[in-house]
Structures are given as C-alpha cells and as structure tokens.
Amino acid sequence: MLRNTDSNNGPGGRRMSKILHSFTLHDHVSELLRKKSRKGYMSDNVSTAIEWYYTSPVWTKERDDDGEYTGKLVRANKGVVIAPYERKKYQEIIGTLNKQIDALEAEKKALKNHRFKFWKKMPQ
C-alpha cells in the first residue's frame, strides 16, 4: 500500500519509487530476509539486491579460439532469467535432443563396426 508522504524517502535515505511492486519470495529467501533485515529495511534490502544483480559486473576467464585460458579476465553477463514453466519446456526439448544424439551415436557406432566387418570379408 502506498503512503502519501512528503519526503518519500526510504529508511536508508534513498528516494523510494511511487510504484508499488508485489511479488512472492521463496520461503528460504523470505526467512533469510526476515533474519538479516532490520525492522523497516526489508523493502530497501530487496531493492538493493535487485539493483546489485542487474548492475554489478561479472568476470570470467577469457578463452581463445581453442578454449584455452589466456590469462585475462573479461566482463561476462549473468545470463537470462527464465520462468520455471519455460525452463521445464526447454528441459524437455533438451532431453529429446539428447536422446536423438544418443541414438545417432549408437547408429554411428553400429555402422562403423559393420563397415569394419564388411571390409574384412571383401576378397583381396
């Protein structure tokens, strides 16, 4: 619920948004927030965490074309946040593709073994 205040500053002295955001935290995150936050600072701590996540740099090892570590650190990204229902869909697609890969590898192995037998039987 929005409060109509003149200062509109949060507990940390930061200017708070006039837009109300509502979301549900996982139980373990909610408990952590309750334990680690001072009274009145929970919203500010969540805002700080979200800001840090989207603005802080991530560093990773630079790799050359062969995948070897070059000795340098470079900026990386945090990836894309995927909703659970999308994640499940992609996991199913990946599972199907992995099964196809396994089937093709088995077929390749069978053909390779058969080819070896075929060449062995050829008259010389």
Protein backbone atom coordinates (compact mmCIF):
# COMPACT_ATOMS: atom_id res chain seq x y z
CA MET A 1 0.00 0.00 0.00
CA LEU A 2 1.35 3.42 -0.89
CA ARG A 3 1.67 6.03 1.79
CA ASN A 4 1.36 9.67 0.91
CA THR A 5 4.47 11.23 2.46
CA ASP A 6 6.19 14.49 1.69
CA SER A 7 9.76 13.20 1.86
CA ASN A 8 9.10 9.89 0.05
CA ASN A 9 12.48 8.65 1.28
CA GLY A 10 13.10 5.10 2.40
CA PRO A 11 14.79 4.06 5.63
CA GLY A 12 18.24 4.25 4.02
CA GLY A 13 17.66 7.83 2.86
CA ARG A 14 17.08 6.69 -0.72
CA ARG A 15 14.24 8.07 -2.75
CA MET A 16 11.56 5.39 -2.95
CA SER A 17 9.51 4.70 -6.08
CA LYS A 18 5.87 5.66 -6.00
CA ILE A 19 5.05 2.43 -7.85
CA LEU A 20 4.00 -0.48 -5.67
CA HIS A 21 5.65 -3.78 -6.59
CA SER A 22 4.19 -7.01 -5.33
CA PHE A 23 5.87 -10.39 -5.64
CA THR A 24 6.32 -13.57 -3.66
CA LEU A 25 9.70 -14.74 -2.38
CA HIS A 26 10.75 -18.34 -1.91
CA ASP A 27 10.33 -19.47 1.71
CA HIS A 28 14.07 -19.73 2.40
CA VAL A 29 14.72 -16.27 0.91
CA SER A 30 11.87 -14.75 2.89
CA GLU A 31 13.24 -16.27 6.10
CA LEU A 32 16.75 -15.02 5.30
CA LEU A 33 15.40 -11.53 4.64
CA ARG A 34 13.47 -11.58 7.92
CA LYS A 35 16.56 -12.66 9.88
CA LYS A 36 19.05 -10.29 8.25
CA SER A 37 16.96 -7.12 7.87
CA ARG A 38 16.34 -4.50 10.49
CA LYS A 39 12.73 -3.54 11.02
CA GLY A 40 11.56 -1.32 8.19
CA TYR A 41 14.50 -2.14 5.90
CA MET A 42 13.25 -5.30 4.15
CA SER A 43 11.96 -3.48 1.06
CA ASP A 44 15.15 -1.42 0.88
CA ASN A 45 17.28 -4.58 1.11
CA VAL A 46 15.33 -6.24 -1.70
CA SER A 47 15.71 -3.10 -3.85
CA THR A 48 19.45 -3.03 -3.16
CA ALA A 49 19.80 -6.72 -4.06
CA ILE A 50 17.90 -6.28 -7.33
CA GLU A 51 19.94 -3.21 -8.24
CA TRP A 52 23.20 -5.04 -7.42
CA TYR A 53 22.19 -8.07 -9.50
CA TYR A 54 21.46 -6.05 -12.62
CA THR A 55 24.31 -3.52 -12.35
CA SER A 56 27.30 -5.32 -10.83
CA PRO A 57 29.88 -6.70 -13.23
CA VAL A 58 30.56 -10.40 -13.57
CA TRP A 59 34.05 -11.52 -14.51
CA THR A 60 35.07 -14.70 -16.28
CA LYS A 61 38.22 -16.15 -17.79
CA GLU A 62 38.95 -15.08 -21.36
CA ARG A 63 39.35 -18.06 -23.70
CA ASP A 64 40.98 -18.19 -27.11
CA ASP A 65 39.54 -19.97 -30.19
CA ASP A 66 40.80 -23.32 -28.89
CA GLY A 67 39.16 -22.81 -25.49
CA GLU A 68 42.46 -22.22 -23.69
CA TYR A 69 42.62 -19.67 -20.85
CA THR A 70 44.50 -16.56 -22.00
CA GLY A 71 45.34 -15.31 -18.50
CA LYS A 72 42.95 -12.36 -18.73
CA LEU A 73 39.64 -11.70 -17.01
CA VAL A 74 36.82 -10.24 -19.09
CA ARG A 75 33.33 -8.97 -18.33
CA ALA A 76 30.56 -11.52 -18.72
CA ASN A 77 26.81 -11.47 -18.33
CA LYS A 78 24.60 -13.14 -15.78
CA GLY A 79 22.54 -14.87 -18.42
CA VAL A 80 18.83 -14.68 -18.93
CA VAL A 81 16.30 -15.29 -16.20
CA ILE A 82 13.87 -17.97 -17.34
CA ALA A 83 10.49 -18.57 -15.75
CA PRO A 84 10.01 -22.08 -14.28
CA TYR A 85 7.42 -23.10 -16.90
CA GLU A 86 9.77 -22.00 -19.69
CA ARG A 87 12.68 -23.82 -18.02
CA LYS A 88 10.62 -27.04 -17.92
CA LYS A 89 9.75 -26.68 -21.61
CA TYR A 90 13.43 -26.18 -22.54
CA GLN A 91 14.49 -29.11 -20.34
CA GLU A 92 12.03 -31.34 -22.21
CA ILE A 93 13.38 -30.14 -25.58
CA ILE A 94 16.97 -30.68 -24.43
CA GLY A 95 16.05 -34.16 -23.16
CA THR A 96 14.52 -35.04 -26.55
CA LEU A 97 17.57 -33.71 -28.41
CA ASN A 98 19.94 -35.64 -26.10
CA LYS A 99 18.01 -38.86 -26.84
CA GLN A 100 18.32 -38.18 -30.58
CA ILE A 101 22.06 -37.57 -30.18
CA ASP A 102 22.45 -40.83 -28.24
CA ALA A 103 20.51 -42.73 -30.93
CA LEU A 104 22.66 -41.22 -33.71
CA GLU A 105 25.87 -42.04 -31.83
CA ALA A 106 24.70 -45.66 -31.37
CA GLU A 107 23.83 -45.87 -35.06
CA LYS A 108 27.22 -44.41 -35.99
CA LYS A 109 28.96 -46.98 -33.80
CA ALA A 110 26.93 -49.82 -35.32
CA LEU A 111 27.67 -48.64 -38.86
CA LYS A 112 31.35 -48.28 -38.06
CA ASN A 113 31.51 -51.81 -36.64
CA HIS A 114 29.54 -53.21 -39.59
CA ARG A 115 31.78 -51.41 -42.08
CA PHE A 116 34.85 -52.96 -40.47
CA LYS A 117 33.32 -56.45 -40.83
CA PHE A 118 32.29 -55.68 -44.42
CA TRP A 119 35.82 -54.68 -45.45
CA LYS A 120 37.26 -57.72 -43.73
CA LYS A 121 35.07 -60.05 -45.85
CA MET A 122 35.91 -58.44 -49.18
CA PRO A 123 38.06 -60.61 -51.47
CA GLN A 124 41.56 -59.36 -51.91
